[in-house]
Amino acid sequence: MSFTVKRTLNLTKYYPQIGLYVESGTEDLTLTYAVSSVANINVPDKQATVFYSITDSDGHSLDSLAFTFGYEDISSIITEAEEAMKAGITS
């Protein structure tokens, strides 16, 4: 499963020859978040960690980012992970 959101993100230009970062405005991006696997489940504390990826509309992606959250029902842990990530992004 996955979900897609539109986000406005800050841009930073990097000049590697001189090691300089310069803030350069914002850009609207459509990003798709997808949980790829469950990394850890702490049953007594009802917390879990999942790995997920982010892909933009041009197909660029970041893989294996981790997200830890509290869950209610272990049988719906992936759905709950996505709902918790989306709530954190859109709030």
Protein backbone atom coordinates (compact mmCIF):
# COMPACT_ATOMS: atom_id res chain seq x y z
CA MET A 1 0.00 0.00 0.00
CA SER A 2 1.04 3.62 -0.37
CA PHE A 3 -0.28 7.15 -0.22
CA THR A 4 0.47 10.33 -2.14
CA VAL A 5 0.63 13.90 -0.86
CA LYS A 6 1.52 17.27 -2.33
CA ARG A 7 4.13 19.10 -0.24
CA THR A 8 5.90 22.43 -0.42
CA LEU A 9 9.55 21.84 0.42
CA ASN A 10 12.47 24.20 0.94
CA LEU A 11 15.17 24.16 -1.73
CA THR A 12 18.88 24.39 -1.03
CA LYS A 13 21.53 24.76 -3.72
CA TYR A 14 24.87 23.08 -3.06
CA TYR A 15 28.17 24.17 -4.61
CA PRO A 16 30.47 21.16 -3.97
CA GLN A 17 33.66 22.87 -5.18
CA ILE A 18 33.49 25.30 -2.25
CA GLY A 19 31.27 23.38 0.18
CA LEU A 20 28.58 26.09 0.18
CA TYR A 21 24.84 25.56 0.78
CA VAL A 22 22.47 28.40 -0.20
CA GLU A 23 18.73 28.52 0.58
CA SER A 24 16.89 29.10 -2.70
CA GLY A 25 13.13 29.18 -2.13
CA THR A 26 10.52 26.42 -2.19
CA GLU A 27 9.08 23.90 -4.63
CA ASP A 28 5.76 22.02 -4.73
CA LEU A 29 6.24 18.27 -5.13
CA THR A 30 3.89 15.31 -5.35
CA LEU A 31 5.40 12.51 -3.27
CA THR A 32 4.37 8.89 -2.83
CA TYR A 33 5.18 7.19 0.47
CA ALA A 34 5.22 3.37 0.56
CA VAL A 35 5.91 1.10 3.52
CA SER A 36 8.21 -1.71 2.37
CA SER A 37 8.65 -3.76 5.53
CA VAL A 38 8.23 -3.95 9.28
CA ALA A 39 11.60 -3.57 11.01
CA ASN A 40 10.63 -4.01 14.64
CA ILE A 41 7.55 -4.55 16.81
CA ASN A 42 7.60 -3.78 20.53
CA VAL A 43 4.47 -5.62 21.71
CA PRO A 44 4.48 -4.52 25.39
CA ASP A 45 4.73 -0.82 24.45
CA LYS A 46 2.59 -1.15 21.28
CA GLN A 47 5.24 0.57 19.14
CA ALA A 48 6.61 -0.49 15.80
CA THR A 49 9.22 0.65 13.30
CA VAL A 50 8.74 0.30 9.55
CA PHE A 51 10.97 0.95 6.56
CA TYR A 52 9.48 3.07 3.79
CA SER A 53 10.42 4.82 0.56
CA ILE A 54 9.51 8.19 -0.93
CA THR A 55 9.16 8.62 -4.70
CA ASP A 56 8.51 11.89 -6.53
CA SER A 57 6.45 12.26 -9.71
CA ASP A 58 9.66 12.03 -11.83
CA GLY A 59 10.53 8.62 -10.36
CA HIS A 60 13.37 9.80 -8.09
CA SER A 61 13.30 7.89 -4.83
CA LEU A 62 14.79 7.50 -1.38
CA ASP A 63 14.73 3.99 0.07
CA SER A 64 14.95 2.47 3.52
CA LEU A 65 13.93 5.36 5.69
CA ALA A 66 12.67 4.36 9.15
CA PHE A 67 9.52 5.50 10.95
CA THR A 68 8.51 4.58 14.51
CA PHE A 69 4.91 4.92 15.68
CA GLY A 70 2.39 3.64 18.21
CA TYR A 71 -0.10 1.07 16.94
CA GLU A 72 -3.47 -0.21 18.16
CA ASP A 73 -3.94 -3.51 16.29
CA ILE A 74 -0.95 -5.60 15.22
CA SER A 75 -2.97 -7.14 12.36
CA SER A 76 -3.24 -3.73 10.64
CA ILE A 77 0.25 -2.47 11.39
CA ILE A 78 1.11 -1.39 7.82
CA THR A 79 -2.13 0.56 7.43
CA GLU A 80 -1.61 2.18 10.82
CA ALA A 81 1.98 3.07 9.86
CA GLU A 82 0.80 4.83 6.72
CA GLU A 83 -1.97 6.66 8.59
CA ALA A 84 0.50 7.83 11.26
CA MET A 85 3.03 8.99 8.65
CA LYS A 86 0.36 10.84 6.66
CA ALA A 87 -0.97 12.54 9.81
CA GLY A 88 2.53 13.69 10.70
CA ILE A 89 3.21 15.02 7.21
CA THR A 90 -0.07 16.88 6.69
CA SER A 91 -0.40 18.40 10.15
